[in-house]
Protein backbone atom coordinates (compact mmCIF):
# COMPACT_ATOMS: atom_id res chain seq x y z
CA MET A 1 83.45 35.61 -20.85
CA LYS A 2 82.95 31.98 -21.78
CA PRO A 3 80.59 31.45 -24.74
CA ASP A 4 77.27 29.80 -24.04
CA LYS A 5 76.97 26.23 -25.36
CA THR A 6 73.96 27.32 -27.39
CA ASP A 7 76.35 29.44 -29.49
CA ASP A 8 77.49 26.17 -31.07
CA ILE A 9 74.14 25.83 -32.76
CA PHE A 10 75.02 28.76 -35.01
CA ASN A 11 78.16 27.02 -36.26
CA LEU A 12 76.31 24.51 -38.40
CA THR A 13 77.74 23.28 -41.67
CA GLU A 14 75.77 23.32 -44.89
CA ASP A 15 75.23 19.55 -44.54
CA ASP A 16 73.90 20.08 -41.00
CA MET A 17 71.44 22.63 -42.37
CA LYS A 18 70.21 20.21 -45.05
CA ILE A 19 69.62 17.52 -42.43
CA MET A 20 67.80 19.95 -40.15
CA ASP A 21 65.72 21.21 -43.05
CA THR A 22 64.42 17.70 -43.78
CA VAL A 23 63.71 17.11 -40.10
CA VAL A 24 62.01 20.45 -39.52
CA ARG A 25 60.25 20.63 -42.90
CA PRO A 26 59.76 17.13 -44.23
CA GLN A 27 58.73 16.74 -47.83
CA LYS A 28 55.02 16.30 -48.43
CA MET A 29 54.05 12.69 -48.90
CA SER A 30 51.43 11.65 -51.43
CA VAL A 31 48.44 9.60 -50.36
CA ARG A 32 49.80 6.68 -52.38
CA ASP A 33 53.16 6.92 -50.61
CA ALA A 34 51.43 7.16 -47.23
CA LEU A 35 49.47 3.98 -47.97
CA ARG A 36 52.79 2.13 -48.29
CA THR A 37 53.88 3.08 -44.76
CA THR A 38 53.18 1.31 -41.49
CA GLU A 39 51.08 4.29 -40.31
CA PRO A 40 49.16 5.37 -43.41
CA LEU A 41 46.35 7.28 -41.71
CA TYR A 42 48.80 9.30 -39.64
CA HIS A 43 50.84 10.24 -42.71
CA ILE A 44 47.78 11.05 -44.79
CA SER A 45 46.45 13.28 -42.03
CA ASN A 46 49.73 15.16 -41.81
CA ASN A 47 50.09 15.60 -45.56
CA ILE A 48 46.70 16.46 -47.01
CA SER A 49 44.98 19.80 -46.86
CA MET A 50 41.33 20.63 -46.23
CA GLU A 51 40.46 21.82 -49.74
CA THR A 52 38.15 19.07 -50.96
CA LYS A 53 35.11 17.61 -49.24
CA GLU A 54 36.89 14.23 -49.20
CA GLN A 55 39.89 15.75 -47.41
CA GLN A 56 37.59 17.43 -44.89
CA LEU A 57 35.72 14.17 -44.34
CA PHE A 58 38.97 12.28 -43.88
CA HIS A 59 40.18 14.71 -41.22
CA ARG A 60 36.89 14.59 -39.31
CA LEU A 61 36.77 10.80 -39.35
CA TYR A 62 40.43 10.47 -38.43
CA ALA A 63 39.81 12.79 -35.46
CA ALA A 64 37.10 10.39 -34.30
CA ILE A 65 39.58 7.52 -34.47
CA LEU A 66 42.04 9.45 -32.32
CA GLU A 67 39.32 10.18 -29.77
CA VAL A 68 38.18 6.54 -29.61
CA ASN A 69 41.79 5.43 -29.29
CA SER A 70 42.42 7.82 -26.42
CA ALA A 71 39.29 7.25 -24.34
CA GLY A 72 36.78 4.98 -26.08
CA THR A 73 33.63 5.78 -28.04
CA PRO A 74 31.78 7.50 -25.16
CA VAL A 75 34.28 10.38 -25.30
CA ILE A 76 32.73 11.37 -28.65
CA PHE A 77 29.71 12.63 -26.71
CA ASP A 78 31.97 14.69 -24.49
CA ARG A 79 34.12 16.19 -27.25
CA TYR A 80 31.52 16.86 -29.95
CA ASP A 81 28.05 18.34 -30.08
CA GLN A 82 25.03 16.32 -31.16
CA SER A 83 25.20 17.38 -34.82
CA GLU A 84 28.89 16.48 -35.17
CA THR A 85 28.30 13.17 -33.40
CA GLU A 86 25.45 12.47 -35.82
CA PHE A 87 27.68 13.38 -38.75
CA MET A 88 30.38 10.94 -37.61
CA TYR A 89 27.79 8.25 -36.96
CA GLN A 90 26.24 8.62 -40.44
CA ALA A 91 29.64 8.71 -42.16
CA TYR A 92 30.91 5.60 -40.40
CA LYS A 93 27.56 3.88 -40.93
CA THR A 94 27.94 4.52 -44.67
CA LEU A 95 31.47 3.07 -44.50
CA GLY A 96 30.21 -0.01 -42.62
CA ALA A 97 31.82 0.53 -39.19
CA GLU A 98 29.22 -1.51 -37.33
CA LYS A 99 30.99 -1.70 -33.96
CA PHE A 100 31.43 2.07 -33.74
CA CYS A 101 27.84 2.65 -34.82
CA PHE A 102 26.53 0.13 -32.28
CA GLN A 103 28.41 1.92 -29.52
CA ILE A 104 27.07 5.31 -30.64
CA GLU A 105 23.54 3.84 -30.69
CA THR A 106 24.06 2.38 -27.20
CA MET A 107 25.18 5.73 -25.82
CA ARG A 108 22.36 7.57 -27.59
CA ALA A 109 19.76 5.20 -26.14
CA PHE A 110 21.17 5.72 -22.65
CA ILE A 111 21.26 9.50 -23.06
CA HIS A 112 17.74 9.59 -24.53
CA GLU A 113 16.42 7.46 -21.69
CA ASN A 114 17.93 9.81 -19.11
CA LEU A 115 17.80 13.24 -20.79
CA GLY A 116 15.38 13.03 -23.70
CA ASP A 117 16.03 14.24 -27.24
CA SER A 118 17.47 17.63 -26.41
CA TYR A 119 19.80 18.41 -23.58
CA SER A 120 22.36 20.98 -22.55
CA GLU A 121 26.07 20.48 -21.99
CA ASP A 122 25.42 20.87 -18.27
CA ASP A 123 22.84 18.07 -18.39
CA MET A 124 25.33 15.85 -20.18
CA PHE A 125 28.10 16.63 -17.71
CA ALA A 126 25.77 15.79 -14.82
CA LEU A 127 24.82 12.50 -16.47
CA CYS A 128 28.52 11.64 -16.88
CA ASP A 129 28.88 11.77 -13.11
CA THR A 130 26.36 8.97 -12.52
CA ASP A 131 27.20 5.36 -11.73
CA GLU A 132 24.99 4.17 -14.59
CA TYR A 133 26.91 6.28 -17.11
CA ASN A 134 30.26 5.11 -15.75
CA LYS A 135 29.18 1.47 -16.07
CA ILE A 136 28.23 1.86 -19.74
CA ASP A 137 31.31 3.97 -20.40
CA ARG A 138 33.55 1.29 -18.92
CA GLN A 139 31.86 -1.54 -20.88
CA LEU A 140 32.22 0.29 -24.18
CA THR A 141 35.69 1.65 -23.55
CA LEU A 142 37.05 -1.83 -22.84
CA GLN A 143 36.32 -2.60 -26.50
CA TYR A 144 38.13 0.48 -27.84
CA GLU A 145 40.82 -1.49 -29.69
CA GLU A 146 38.29 -3.50 -31.72
CA VAL A 147 36.29 -0.38 -32.50
CA ARG A 148 39.37 1.64 -33.40
CA ASP A 149 40.72 -1.11 -35.65
CA GLU A 150 37.42 -1.35 -37.50
CA MET A 151 37.25 2.44 -37.92
CA GLU A 152 40.82 2.48 -39.26
CA ASP A 153 40.04 -0.33 -41.71
CA LYS A 154 36.93 1.45 -42.98
CA LEU A 155 38.72 4.78 -43.30
CA LEU A 156 41.53 3.09 -45.23
CA GLU A 157 38.93 1.61 -47.60
CA PHE A 158 37.54 5.13 -48.07
CA VAL A 159 41.05 6.41 -48.81
CA LYS A 160 41.73 3.71 -51.39
CA HIS A 161 38.48 4.54 -53.19
CA ASN A 162 39.15 8.31 -53.12
CA ILE A 163 42.91 8.65 -53.67
CA GLU A 164 42.63 11.24 -56.44
CA ARG A 165 40.22 13.44 -54.47
CA LEU A 166 42.39 13.20 -51.35
CA GLU A 167 45.63 14.21 -53.04
CA ASN A 168 46.62 17.85 -52.69
CA ARG A 169 46.15 19.83 -55.86
């Protein structure tokens, strides 16, 4: 019987194992080291834990950046409940992300006008199917790069002011 080609994987040298070990389990990067890379937020996110309130805040705000980058600010209202959206809004407002906050305020005003202060997920999903919602969604989403860039800049400022509290202990 001819051996399967996957059997070759078990004939790795010690050097092969060292290389695979660094690929599979890369060394943890410090926040300072991550700031020197071309993708600092990505590396920080992948290398810090969730032990401190600053680490937790970083992860929540970075998640918002990823959402805005993937589908624009309106997706925040689809992915998060009202309290989490409010949390992100307040945090980015404190950091000075005016474009993101303006877009959140725009969406809130539209939602309030159509659904009032409290609404169910079903109400929100129904609103998302309207032409009016799609028009606002499109207008805001076309600006996603500007909004994302500002959010990234503000989160990087936060990181630089909180390096010690972001580092793993």
